[in-house]
Amino acid sequence: MFAGTGTALITPFAKDGSVDEEALRRLVDFQESNGVDVLVPCGSTGESATLDHEEHLRVIEIVRDQAKKAKVLAGAGSNCTREAVALSRSAQDIGADGVLSIAPYYVKPTQEGLFRHFEAVADAIDIPVVVYNIPGRTGINITSDTLMRIAEVDGIAGVKEASGNMAQIQDILRRRPEGFEVLSGDDALTLALVCLGGDGVISVASNCCPALMSDLVSSAKAGDVSSARAIQSKLLPLFSALFEESNPIPIKYVMGGMGYGNGEPRLPLTPLSEGCRERIDQVLRGIGIA
């Protein structure tokens, strides 16, 4: 359902710090015209942690309204199960095709707590849930054993895997039930994951280079590994540069330069440092983005 290339959309801000709705609509058009299959608003890259409740739902609403072809997988997670349920119900009411639900962060639940959390979210809505495993941000890893339990819950459609643990990813691919999608949450590991049988990516880099990321994924899925490797080699410096400082600081800078918002995140994230700007500008020139 959410296979292929997905973009973890930035949330563009205007000069006064408000959501730049016009820029967000143009960003959706840019993604769709360059082959992106899935739009993911209000994830980590979309600064969901600094959007208030009204803004969060408004961003999903704009993306849903503007999208003509791509599916909308709305970020709707929380470290509070009740809030995750409420956000997921709201995303469903807006018309999202599914929700991306992050593992509860900070509270460090047990594996049983993780299972019950995702079970509660899936039971509360009638659209698919994609589990988001990113231990570097949440402080907790969803083990492959727990994920296989979660995968058997009605309504659980797949996982965005950003553990960086290839052994765990391969175990998930080996054991997953039929129809359970495994999506890369790490741009640099996308080629490896797809070649191992994975289904695609939810990408940060595709904000600025959606056509290249779409070509990388489609080539890999079609078995044209040579073409996919060439694109991977071209984009690898960008993948590294976009994480020199905390995501989404670098990609906000890049997208600001392309005319999508003011180029800055909200506090407590700060604008990109001067040194990192120079390195990213050099990388962008090298791959023909700037």
C-alpha atoms as a PDB file:
ATOM      1  CA  MET A   1       0.000   0.000   0.000  1.00  0.00           C
ATOM      2  CA  PHE A   2       2.827   2.433   0.799  1.00  0.00           C
ATOM      3  CA  ALA A   3       5.577   0.839  -1.259  1.00  0.00           C
ATOM      4  CA  GLY A   4       7.920   2.833  -3.462  1.00  0.00           C
ATOM      5  CA  THR A   5       9.273   6.270  -2.694  1.00  0.00           C
ATOM      6  CA  GLY A   6       7.779   8.218   0.176  1.00  0.00           C
ATOM      7  CA  THR A   7       8.872  11.679   1.245  1.00  0.00           C
ATOM      8  CA  ALA A   8       9.020  12.715   4.889  1.00  0.00           C
ATOM      9  CA  LEU A   9       7.834  16.222   4.081  1.00  0.00           C
ATOM     10  CA  ILE A  10       9.285  19.270   5.744  1.00  0.00           C
ATOM     11  CA  THR A  11       6.803  21.761   7.153  1.00  0.00           C
ATOM     12  CA  PRO A  12       7.751  25.067   5.501  1.00  0.00           C
ATOM     13  CA  PHE A  13       7.543  28.123   7.736  1.00  0.00           C
ATOM     14  CA  ALA A  14       6.966  31.709   6.656  1.00  0.00           C
ATOM     15  CA  LYS A  15       9.141  34.625   7.773  1.00  0.00           C
ATOM     16  CA  ASP A  16       6.938  35.158  10.837  1.00  0.00           C
ATOM     17  CA  GLY A  17       7.352  31.495  11.851  1.00  0.00           C
ATOM     18  CA  SER A  18       3.851  30.380  10.911  1.00  0.00           C
ATOM     19  CA  VAL A  19       3.151  27.451   8.610  1.00  0.00           C
ATOM     20  CA  ASP A  20       3.667  28.566   5.004  1.00  0.00           C
ATOM     21  CA  GLU A  21       0.610  26.953   3.484  1.00  0.00           C
ATOM     22  CA  GLU A  22       1.312  28.141  -0.059  1.00  0.00           C
ATOM     23  CA  ALA A  23       4.839  26.705   0.015  1.00  0.00           C
ATOM     24  CA  LEU A  24       3.511  23.410   1.396  1.00  0.00           C
ATOM     25  CA  ARG A  25       1.076  23.110  -1.488  1.00  0.00           C
ATOM     26  CA  ARG A  26       3.857  23.787  -3.998  1.00  0.00           C
ATOM     27  CA  LEU A  27       5.995  21.177  -2.265  1.00  0.00           C
ATOM     28  CA  VAL A  28       3.256  18.573  -2.681  1.00  0.00           C
ATOM     29  CA  ASP A  29       3.021  19.421  -6.389  1.00  0.00           C
ATOM     30  CA  PHE A  30       6.818  19.196  -6.741  1.00  0.00           C
ATOM     31  CA  GLN A  31       6.849  15.752  -5.150  1.00  0.00           C
ATOM     32  CA  GLU A  32       4.013  14.366  -7.235  1.00  0.00           C
ATOM     33  CA  SER A  33       5.400  15.717 -10.506  1.00  0.00           C
ATOM     34  CA  ASN A  34       8.680  13.924  -9.779  1.00  0.00           C
ATOM     35  CA  GLY A  35       7.332  10.459  -9.172  1.00  0.00           C
ATOM     36  CA  VAL A  36       6.889  10.262  -5.392  1.00  0.00           C
ATOM     37  CA  ASP A  37       4.343   7.610  -4.386  1.00  0.00           C
ATOM     38  CA  VAL A  38       3.675   8.526  -0.754  1.00  0.00           C
ATOM     39  CA  LEU A  39       3.588  11.860   1.090  1.00  0.00           C
ATOM     40  CA  VAL A  40       4.325  11.778   4.806  1.00  0.00           C
ATOM     41  CA  PRO A  41       3.401  15.004   6.627  1.00  0.00           C
ATOM     42  CA  CYS A  42       4.026  15.636  10.314  1.00  0.00           C
ATOM     43  CA  GLY A  43       6.829  13.169  10.914  1.00  0.00           C
ATOM     44  CA  SER A  44      10.164  13.985  12.516  1.00  0.00           C
ATOM     45  CA  THR A  45      11.252  15.839   9.372  1.00  0.00           C
ATOM     46  CA  GLY A  46       7.992  17.778   9.463  1.00  0.00           C
ATOM     47  CA  GLU A  47       8.776  18.976  13.004  1.00  0.00           C
ATOM     48  CA  SER A  48       5.678  17.421  14.491  1.00  0.00           C
ATOM     49  CA  ALA A  49       7.158  17.938  17.953  1.00  0.00           C
ATOM     50  CA  THR A  50       6.967  21.732  17.551  1.00  0.00           C
ATOM     51  CA  LEU A  51       3.606  21.955  15.783  1.00  0.00           C
ATOM     52  CA  ASP A  52       0.644  22.677  17.992  1.00  0.00           C
ATOM     53  CA  HIS A  53      -2.415  20.442  17.654  1.00  0.00           C
ATOM     54  CA  GLU A  54      -4.255  22.767  15.283  1.00  0.00           C
ATOM     55  CA  GLU A  55      -1.189  23.203  13.058  1.00  0.00           C
ATOM     56  CA  HIS A  56      -0.571  19.449  12.996  1.00  0.00           C
ATOM     57  CA  LEU A  57      -4.036  18.711  11.683  1.00  0.00           C
ATOM     58  CA  ARG A  58      -3.958  21.676   9.292  1.00  0.00           C
ATOM     59  CA  VAL A  59      -0.732  20.424   7.681  1.00  0.00           C
ATOM     60  CA  ILE A  60      -2.288  16.985   7.134  1.00  0.00           C
ATOM     61  CA  GLU A  61      -5.405  18.636   5.746  1.00  0.00           C
ATOM     62  CA  ILE A  62      -3.406  20.734   3.249  1.00  0.00           C
ATOM     63  CA  VAL A  63      -1.389  17.751   2.039  1.00  0.00           C
ATOM     64  CA  ARG A  64      -4.532  15.630   1.691  1.00  0.00           C
ATOM     65  CA  ASP A  65      -6.305  18.409  -0.192  1.00  0.00           C
ATOM     66  CA  GLN A  66      -3.389  19.112  -2.545  1.00  0.00           C
ATOM     67  CA  ALA A  67      -2.362  15.533  -3.337  1.00  0.00           C
ATOM     68  CA  LYS A  68      -3.820  14.218  -6.568  1.00  0.00           C
ATOM     69  CA  LYS A  69      -1.958  10.923  -7.057  1.00  0.00           C
ATOM     70  CA  ALA A  70       0.263  10.131  -4.081  1.00  0.00           C
ATOM     71  CA  LYS A  71      -1.038   8.431  -0.971  1.00  0.00           C
ATOM     72  CA  VAL A  72      -0.955  10.379   2.277  1.00  0.00           C
ATOM     73  CA  LEU A  73       0.577   8.611   5.268  1.00  0.00           C
ATOM     74  CA  ALA A  74       0.054  11.072   8.095  1.00  0.00           C
ATOM     75  CA  GLY A  75       2.343  11.266  11.086  1.00  0.00           C
ATOM     76  CA  ALA A  76       0.108  10.715  14.104  1.00  0.00           C
ATOM     77  CA  GLY A  77       2.298   9.323  16.850  1.00  0.00           C
ATOM     78  CA  SER A  78       2.789  10.270  20.471  1.00  0.00           C
ATOM     79  CA  ASN A  79       4.383   8.947  23.641  1.00  0.00           C
ATOM     80  CA  CYS A  80       0.872   8.975  25.124  1.00  0.00           C
ATOM     81  CA  THR A  81      -1.331   6.217  23.729  1.00  0.00           C
ATOM     82  CA  ARG A  82      -4.504   8.265  24.207  1.00  0.00           C
ATOM     83  CA  GLU A  83      -3.035  11.140  22.224  1.00  0.00           C
ATOM     84  CA  ALA A  84      -1.784   8.815  19.482  1.00  0.00           C
ATOM     85  CA  VAL A  85      -5.283   7.361  19.201  1.00  0.00           C
ATOM     86  CA  ALA A  86      -6.866  10.824  19.064  1.00  0.00           C
ATOM     87  CA  LEU A  87      -4.426  12.083  16.417  1.00  0.00           C
ATOM     88  CA  SER A  88      -4.914   8.936  14.359  1.00  0.00           C
ATOM     89  CA  ARG A  89      -8.701   9.326  14.461  1.00  0.00           C
ATOM     90  CA  SER A  90      -8.359  12.957  13.366  1.00  0.00           C
ATOM     91  CA  ALA A  91      -6.046  11.976  10.498  1.00  0.00           C
ATOM     92  CA  GLN A  92      -8.609   9.392   9.409  1.00  0.00           C
ATOM     93  CA  ASP A  93     -11.383  12.003   9.526  1.00  0.00           C
ATOM     94  CA  ILE A  94      -9.292  14.331   7.341  1.00  0.00           C
ATOM     95  CA  GLY A  95      -8.960  11.591   4.739  1.00  0.00           C
ATOM     96  CA  ALA A  96      -5.419  10.276   5.200  1.00  0.00           C
ATOM     97  CA  ASP A  97      -4.762   6.920   3.559  1.00  0.00           C
ATOM     98  CA  GLY A  98      -2.884   5.702   6.627  1.00  0.00           C
ATOM     99  CA  VAL A  99      -0.974   6.850   9.683  1.00  0.00           C
ATOM    100  CA  LEU A 100       2.691   6.632  10.584  1.00  0.00           C
ATOM    101  CA  SER A 101       2.893   5.889  14.300  1.00  0.00           C
ATOM    102  CA  ILE A 102       6.215   6.294  16.087  1.00  0.00           C
ATOM    103  CA  ALA A 103       7.225   4.136  19.040  1.00  0.00           C
ATOM    104  CA  PRO A 104       6.447   6.019  22.269  1.00  0.00           C
ATOM    105  CA  TYR A 105       9.487   8.167  23.016  1.00  0.00           C
ATOM    106  CA  TYR A 106      11.056   9.173  26.350  1.00  0.00           C
ATOM    107  CA  VAL A 107       8.865   6.892  28.491  1.00  0.00           C
ATOM    108  CA  LYS A 108      10.779   3.728  27.451  1.00  0.00           C
ATOM    109  CA  PRO A 109       7.949   1.170  27.582  1.00  0.00           C
ATOM    110  CA  THR A 110       8.556  -2.561  27.778  1.00  0.00           C
ATOM    111  CA  GLN A 111       8.158  -4.666  24.641  1.00  0.00           C
ATOM    112  CA  GLU A 112       4.716  -5.652  25.936  1.00  0.00           C
ATOM    113  CA  GLY A 113       3.866  -1.961  26.327  1.00  0.00           C
ATOM    114  CA  LEU A 114       4.927  -1.333  22.738  1.00  0.00           C
ATOM    115  CA  PHE A 115       2.686  -4.138  21.522  1.00  0.00           C
ATOM    116  CA  ARG A 116      -0.325  -2.857  23.455  1.00  0.00           C
ATOM    117  CA  HIS A 117       0.289   0.730  22.298  1.00  0.00           C
ATOM    118  CA  PHE A 118       0.195  -0.155  18.596  1.00  0.00           C
ATOM    119  CA  GLU A 119      -2.681  -2.564  19.152  1.00  0.00           C
ATOM    120  CA  ALA A 120      -4.698   0.274  20.692  1.00  0.00           C
ATOM    121  CA  VAL A 121      -3.955   2.618  17.778  1.00  0.00           C
ATOM    122  CA  ALA A 122      -4.851   0.011  15.156  1.00  0.00           C
ATOM    123  CA  ASP A 123      -8.062  -0.937  16.976  1.00  0.00           C
ATOM    124  CA  ALA A 124      -9.189   2.695  17.103  1.00  0.00           C
ATOM    125  CA  ILE A 125      -9.154   3.438  13.359  1.00  0.00           C
ATOM    126  CA  ASP A 126     -10.132   1.876  10.053  1.00  0.00           C
ATOM    127  CA  ILE A 127      -7.118   2.989   7.997  1.00  0.00           C
ATOM    128  CA  PRO A 128      -3.732   1.221   7.957  1.00  0.00           C
ATOM    129  CA  VAL A 129      -1.005   1.885  10.510  1.00  0.00           C
ATOM    130  CA  VAL A 130       2.702   1.902   9.657  1.00  0.00           C
ATOM    131  CA  VAL A 131       4.878   1.427  12.730  1.00  0.00           C
ATOM    132  CA  TYR A 132       7.899   3.718  12.975  1.00  0.00           C
ATOM    133  CA  ASN A 133      10.964   2.264  14.684  1.00  0.00           C
ATOM    134  CA  ILE A 134      13.718   4.828  15.280  1.00  0.00           C
ATOM    135  CA  PRO A 135      15.556   3.994  18.522  1.00  0.00           C
ATOM    136  CA  GLY A 136      17.972   6.913  18.161  1.00  0.00           C
ATOM    137  CA  ARG A 137      15.090   9.325  18.746  1.00  0.00           C
ATOM    138  CA  THR A 138      12.767   7.301  20.963  1.00  0.00           C
ATOM    139  CA  GLY A 139      15.222   5.597  23.303  1.00  0.00           C
ATOM    140  CA  ILE A 140      13.585   2.214  22.695  1.00  0.00           C
ATOM    141  CA  ASN A 141      13.988  -0.405  19.956  1.00  0.00           C
ATOM    142  CA  ILE A 142      11.049  -2.435  18.712  1.00  0.00           C
ATOM    143  CA  THR A 143      12.607  -5.883  18.498  1.00  0.00           C
ATOM    144  CA  SER A 144      11.868  -8.119  15.543  1.00  0.00           C
ATOM    145  CA  ASP A 145      10.020 -10.524  17.875  1.00  0.00           C
ATOM    146  CA  THR A 146       7.741  -7.727  19.084  1.00  0.00           C
ATOM    147  CA  LEU A 147       7.262  -6.377  15.581  1.00  0.00           C
ATOM    148  CA  MET A 148       6.154  -9.794  14.350  1.00  0.00           C
ATOM    149  CA  ARG A 149       3.504  -9.806  17.091  1.00  0.00           C
ATOM    150  CA  ILE A 150       2.407  -6.307  16.094  1.00  0.00           C
ATOM    151  CA  ALA A 151       2.326  -7.344  12.421  1.00  0.00           C
ATOM    152  CA  GLU A 152      -0.410  -9.875  13.182  1.00  0.00           C
ATOM    153  CA  VAL A 153      -2.746  -7.158  14.515  1.00  0.00           C
ATOM    154  CA  ASP A 154      -5.509  -6.216  12.074  1.00  0.00           C
ATOM    155  CA  GLY A 155      -4.774  -2.842  10.515  1.00  0.00           C
ATOM    156  CA  ILE A 156      -0.993  -2.923  10.903  1.00  0.00           C
ATOM    157  CA  ALA A 157       0.349  -2.488   7.365  1.00  0.00           C
ATOM    158  CA  GLY A 158       4.106  -2.286   7.758  1.00  0.00           C
ATOM    159  CA  VAL A 159       7.100  -0.686   9.395  1.00  0.00           C
ATOM    160  CA  LYS A 160       9.389   2.236   8.705  1.00  0.00           C
ATOM    161  CA  GLU A 161      12.666   0.750   9.929  1.00  0.00           C
ATOM    162  CA  ALA A 162      15.266   3.276  11.046  1.00  0.00           C
ATOM    163  CA  SER A 163      17.148   1.195  13.583  1.00  0.00           C
ATOM    164  CA  GLY A 164      20.217   1.090  11.329  1.00  0.00           C
ATOM    165  CA  ASN A 165      20.594  -2.548  12.342  1.00  0.00           C
ATOM    166  CA  MET A 166      20.830  -4.567   9.127  1.00  0.00           C
ATOM    167  CA  ALA A 167      20.709  -7.879  10.972  1.00  0.00           C
ATOM    168  CA  GLN A 168      17.405  -6.849  12.546  1.00  0.00           C
ATOM    169  CA  ILE A 169      16.076  -5.577   9.206  1.00  0.00           C
ATOM    170  CA  GLN A 170      16.961  -8.861   7.494  1.00  0.00           C
ATOM    171  CA  ASP A 171      15.281 -10.812  10.291  1.00  0.00           C
ATOM    172  CA  ILE A 172      12.116  -8.755   9.792  1.00  0.00           C
ATOM    173  CA  LEU A 173      12.203  -9.329   6.040  1.00  0.00           C
ATOM    174  CA  ARG A 174      12.681 -13.060   6.598  1.00  0.00           C
ATOM    175  CA  ARG A 175       9.836 -13.420   9.091  1.00  0.00           C
ATOM    176  CA  ARG A 176       7.255 -10.839   8.034  1.00  0.00           C
ATOM    177  CA  PRO A 177       3.749 -12.032   7.168  1.00  0.00           C
ATOM    178  CA  GLU A 178       2.494 -11.697   3.610  1.00  0.00           C
ATOM    179  CA  GLY A 179       1.530  -8.126   2.764  1.00  0.00           C
ATOM    180  CA  PHE A 180       3.508  -6.539   5.590  1.00  0.00           C
ATOM    181  CA  GLU A 181       5.598  -3.756   4.054  1.00  0.00           C
ATOM    182  CA  VAL A 182       9.130  -2.932   5.179  1.00  0.00           C
ATOM    183  CA  LEU A 183      10.223   0.624   4.349  1.00  0.00           C
ATOM    184  CA  SER A 184      13.646   2.113   4.913  1.00  0.00           C
ATOM    185  CA  GLY A 185      13.818   4.988   7.351  1.00  0.00           C
ATOM    186  CA  ASP A 186      17.440   5.676   6.427  1.00  0.00           C
ATOM    187  CA  ASP A 187      18.191   7.105   2.982  1.00  0.00           C
ATOM    188  CA  ALA A 188      21.661   5.579   2.844  1.00  0.00           C
ATOM    189  CA  LEU A 189      20.328   2.055   3.507  1.00  0.00           C
ATOM    190  CA  THR A 190      17.500   2.207   0.967  1.00  0.00           C
ATOM    191  CA  LEU A 191      19.314   0.379  -1.814  1.00  0.00           C
ATOM    192  CA  ALA A 192      20.452  -2.404   0.506  1.00  0.00           C
ATOM    193  CA  LEU A 193      16.991  -2.823   2.024  1.00  0.00           C
ATOM    194  CA  VAL A 194      15.215  -2.948  -1.337  1.00  0.00           C
ATOM    195  CA  CYS A 195      17.770  -5.395  -2.762  1.00  0.00           C
ATOM    196  CA  LEU A 196      17.106  -7.628   0.243  1.00  0.00           C
ATOM    197  CA  GLY A 197      13.410  -7.643  -0.583  1.00  0.00           C
ATOM    198  CA  GLY A 198      12.170  -4.485   1.130  1.00  0.00           C
ATOM    199  CA  ASP A 199       9.412  -2.338  -0.322  1.00  0.00           C
ATOM    200  CA  GLY A 200      10.753   1.213  -0.453  1.00  0.00           C
ATOM    201  CA  VAL A 201      11.719   4.229   1.600  1.00  0.00           C
ATOM    202  CA  ILE A 202      10.344   7.170   3.523  1.00  0.00           C
ATOM    203  CA  SER A 203      13.058   9.630   2.612  1.00  0.00           C
ATOM    204  CA  VAL A 204      14.401  12.941   3.865  1.00  0.00           C
ATOM    205  CA  ALA A 205      16.531  13.606   0.774  1.00  0.00           C
ATOM    206  CA  SER A 206      13.582  13.235  -1.584  1.00  0.00           C
ATOM    207  CA  ASN A 207      12.311  16.604  -0.372  1.00  0.00           C
ATOM    208  CA  CYS A 208      14.945  18.193  -2.619  1.00  0.00           C
ATOM    209  CA  CYS A 209      15.641  15.417  -5.156  1.00  0.00           C
ATOM    210  CA  PRO A 210      12.396  13.427  -5.513  1.00  0.00           C
ATOM    211  CA  ALA A 211      13.079  12.305  -9.085  1.00  0.00           C
ATOM    212  CA  LEU A 212      16.475  10.831  -8.196  1.00  0.00           C
ATOM    213  CA  MET A 213      15.140   9.008  -5.142  1.00  0.00           C
ATOM    214  CA  SER A 214      12.178   7.714  -7.151  1.00  0.00           C
ATOM    215  CA  ASP A 215      14.537   6.456  -9.848  1.00  0.00           C
ATOM    216  CA  LEU A 216      16.796   4.804  -7.271  1.00  0.00           C
ATOM    217  CA  VAL A 217      13.919   2.889  -5.701  1.00  0.00           C
ATOM    218  CA  SER A 218      12.174   1.963  -8.944  1.00  0.00           C
ATOM    219  CA  SER A 219      15.451   0.759 -10.486  1.00  0.00           C
ATOM    220  CA  ALA A 220      16.257  -1.369  -7.460  1.00  0.00           C
ATOM    221  CA  LYS A 221      12.752  -2.864  -7.324  1.00  0.00           C
ATOM    222  CA  ALA A 222      12.946  -3.670 -11.040  1.00  0.00           C
ATOM    223  CA  GLY A 223      16.251  -5.499 -10.540  1.00  0.00           C
ATOM    224  CA  ASP A 224      18.318  -2.865 -12.351  1.00  0.00           C
ATOM    225  CA  VAL A 225      20.894  -2.780  -9.578  1.00  0.00           C
ATOM    226  CA  SER A 226      23.553  -1.169 -11.774  1.00  0.00           C
ATOM    227  CA  SER A 227      21.417   1.938 -12.349  1.00  0.00           C
ATOM    228  CA  ALA A 228      20.352   2.041  -8.697  1.00  0.00           C
ATOM    229  CA  ARG A 229      23.969   1.829  -7.555  1.00  0.00           C
ATOM    230  CA  ALA A 230      24.938   4.720  -9.832  1.00  0.00           C
ATOM    231  CA  ILE A 231      22.219   6.917  -8.302  1.00  0.00           C
ATOM    232  CA  GLN A 232      23.173   5.777  -4.801  1.00  0.00           C
ATOM    233  CA  SER A 233      26.796   6.766  -5.425  1.00  0.00           C
ATOM    234  CA  LYS A 234      25.717  10.160  -6.710  1.00  0.00           C
ATOM    235  CA  LEU A 235      23.457  10.834  -3.724  1.00  0.00           C
ATOM    236  CA  LEU A 236      25.610   9.371  -0.953  1.00  0.00           C
ATOM    237  CA  PRO A 237      27.383  12.700  -0.172  1.00  0.00           C
ATOM    238  CA  LEU A 238      23.948  14.316   0.170  1.00  0.00           C
ATOM    239  CA  PHE A 239      22.703  11.554   2.458  1.00  0.00           C
ATOM    240  CA  SER A 240      25.667  12.219   4.743  1.00  0.00           C
ATOM    241  CA  ALA A 241      25.425  16.011   4.578  1.00  0.00           C
ATOM    242  CA  LEU A 242      21.743  16.052   5.499  1.00  0.00           C
ATOM    243  CA  PHE A 243      22.546  14.455   8.845  1.00  0.00           C
ATOM    244  CA  GLU A 244      25.651  16.438   9.831  1.00  0.00           C
ATOM    245  CA  GLU A 245      23.332  18.341  12.157  1.00  0.00           C
ATOM    246  CA  SER A 246      20.053  17.113  13.600  1.00  0.00           C
ATOM    247  CA  ASN A 247      17.354  16.401  11.039  1.00  0.00           C
ATOM    248  CA  PRO A 248      15.554  18.478   9.782  1.00  0.00           C
ATOM    249  CA  ILE A 249      18.002  21.374  10.234  1.00  0.00           C
ATOM    250  CA  PRO A 250      20.000  20.694   7.031  1.00  0.00           C
ATOM    251  CA  ILE A 251      17.052  19.811   4.788  1.00  0.00           C
ATOM    252  CA  LYS A 252      15.168  22.927   5.943  1.00  0.00           C
ATOM    253  CA  TYR A 253      18.160  24.997   4.802  1.00  0.00           C
ATOM    254  CA  VAL A 254      18.233  23.238   1.425  1.00  0.00           C
ATOM    255  CA  MET A 255      14.503  23.619   0.881  1.00  0.00           C
ATOM    256  CA  GLY A 256      14.599  27.275   1.895  1.00  0.00           C
ATOM    257  CA  GLY A 257      17.154  27.833  -0.835  1.00  0.00           C
ATOM    258  CA  MET A 258      14.769  26.184  -3.288  1.00  0.00           C
ATOM    259  CA  GLY A 259      11.944  28.530  -2.302  1.00  0.00           C
ATOM    260  CA  TYR A 260      10.044  26.336   0.137  1.00  0.00           C
ATOM    261  CA  GLY A 261       9.718  28.335   3.339  1.00  0.00           C
ATOM    262  CA  ASN A 262      12.195  30.433   5.313  1.00  0.00           C
ATOM    263  CA  GLY A 263      14.808  27.670   5.521  1.00  0.00           C
ATOM    264  CA  GLU A 264      14.769  27.491   9.304  1.00  0.00           C
ATOM    265  CA  PRO A 265      13.327  25.090  11.876  1.00  0.00           C
ATOM    266  CA  ARG A 266      11.598  26.058  15.103  1.00  0.00           C
ATOM    267  CA  LEU A 267      13.312  26.158  18.457  1.00  0.00           C
ATOM    268  CA  PRO A 268      14.779  24.210  20.122  1.00  0.00           C
ATOM    269  CA  LEU A 269      16.279  23.411  16.710  1.00  0.00           C
ATOM    270  CA  THR A 270      18.485  26.200  15.392  1.00  0.00           C
ATOM    271  CA  PRO A 271      19.422  27.346  11.871  1.00  0.00           C
ATOM    272  CA  LEU A 272      22.170  25.464  10.085  1.00  0.00           C
ATOM    273  CA  SER A 273      25.699  26.479  11.073  1.00  0.00           C
ATOM    274  CA  GLU A 274      27.817  28.416   8.597  1.00  0.00           C
ATOM    275  CA  GLY A 275      30.379  25.643   8.197  1.00  0.00           C
ATOM    276  CA  CYS A 276      27.719  23.069   7.416  1.00  0.00           C
ATOM    277  CA  ARG A 277      26.080  25.447   4.937  1.00  0.00           C
ATOM    278  CA  GLU A 278      29.295  25.648   2.957  1.00  0.00           C
ATOM    279  CA  ARG A 279      29.661  21.864   2.866  1.00  0.00           C
ATOM    280  CA  ILE A 280      26.045  21.288   1.839  1.00  0.00           C
ATOM    281  CA  ASP A 281      26.241  23.953  -0.866  1.00  0.00           C
ATOM    282  CA  GLN A 282      29.273  22.168  -2.288  1.00  0.00           C
ATOM    283  CA  VAL A 283      27.463  18.821  -2.253  1.00  0.00           C
ATOM    284  CA  LEU A 284      24.387  20.302  -3.925  1.00  0.00           C
ATOM    285  CA  ARG A 285      26.507  21.789  -6.692  1.00  0.00           C
ATOM    286  CA  GLY A 286      28.192  18.451  -7.187  1.00  0.00           C
ATOM    287  CA  ILE A 287      24.925  16.624  -7.838  1.00  0.00           C
ATOM    288  CA  GLY A 288      23.323  19.451  -9.802  1.00  0.00           C
ATOM    289  CA  ILE A 289      20.677  20.551  -7.331  1.00  0.00           C
ATOM    290  CA  ALA A 290      22.153  24.029  -6.811  1.00  0.00           C
END
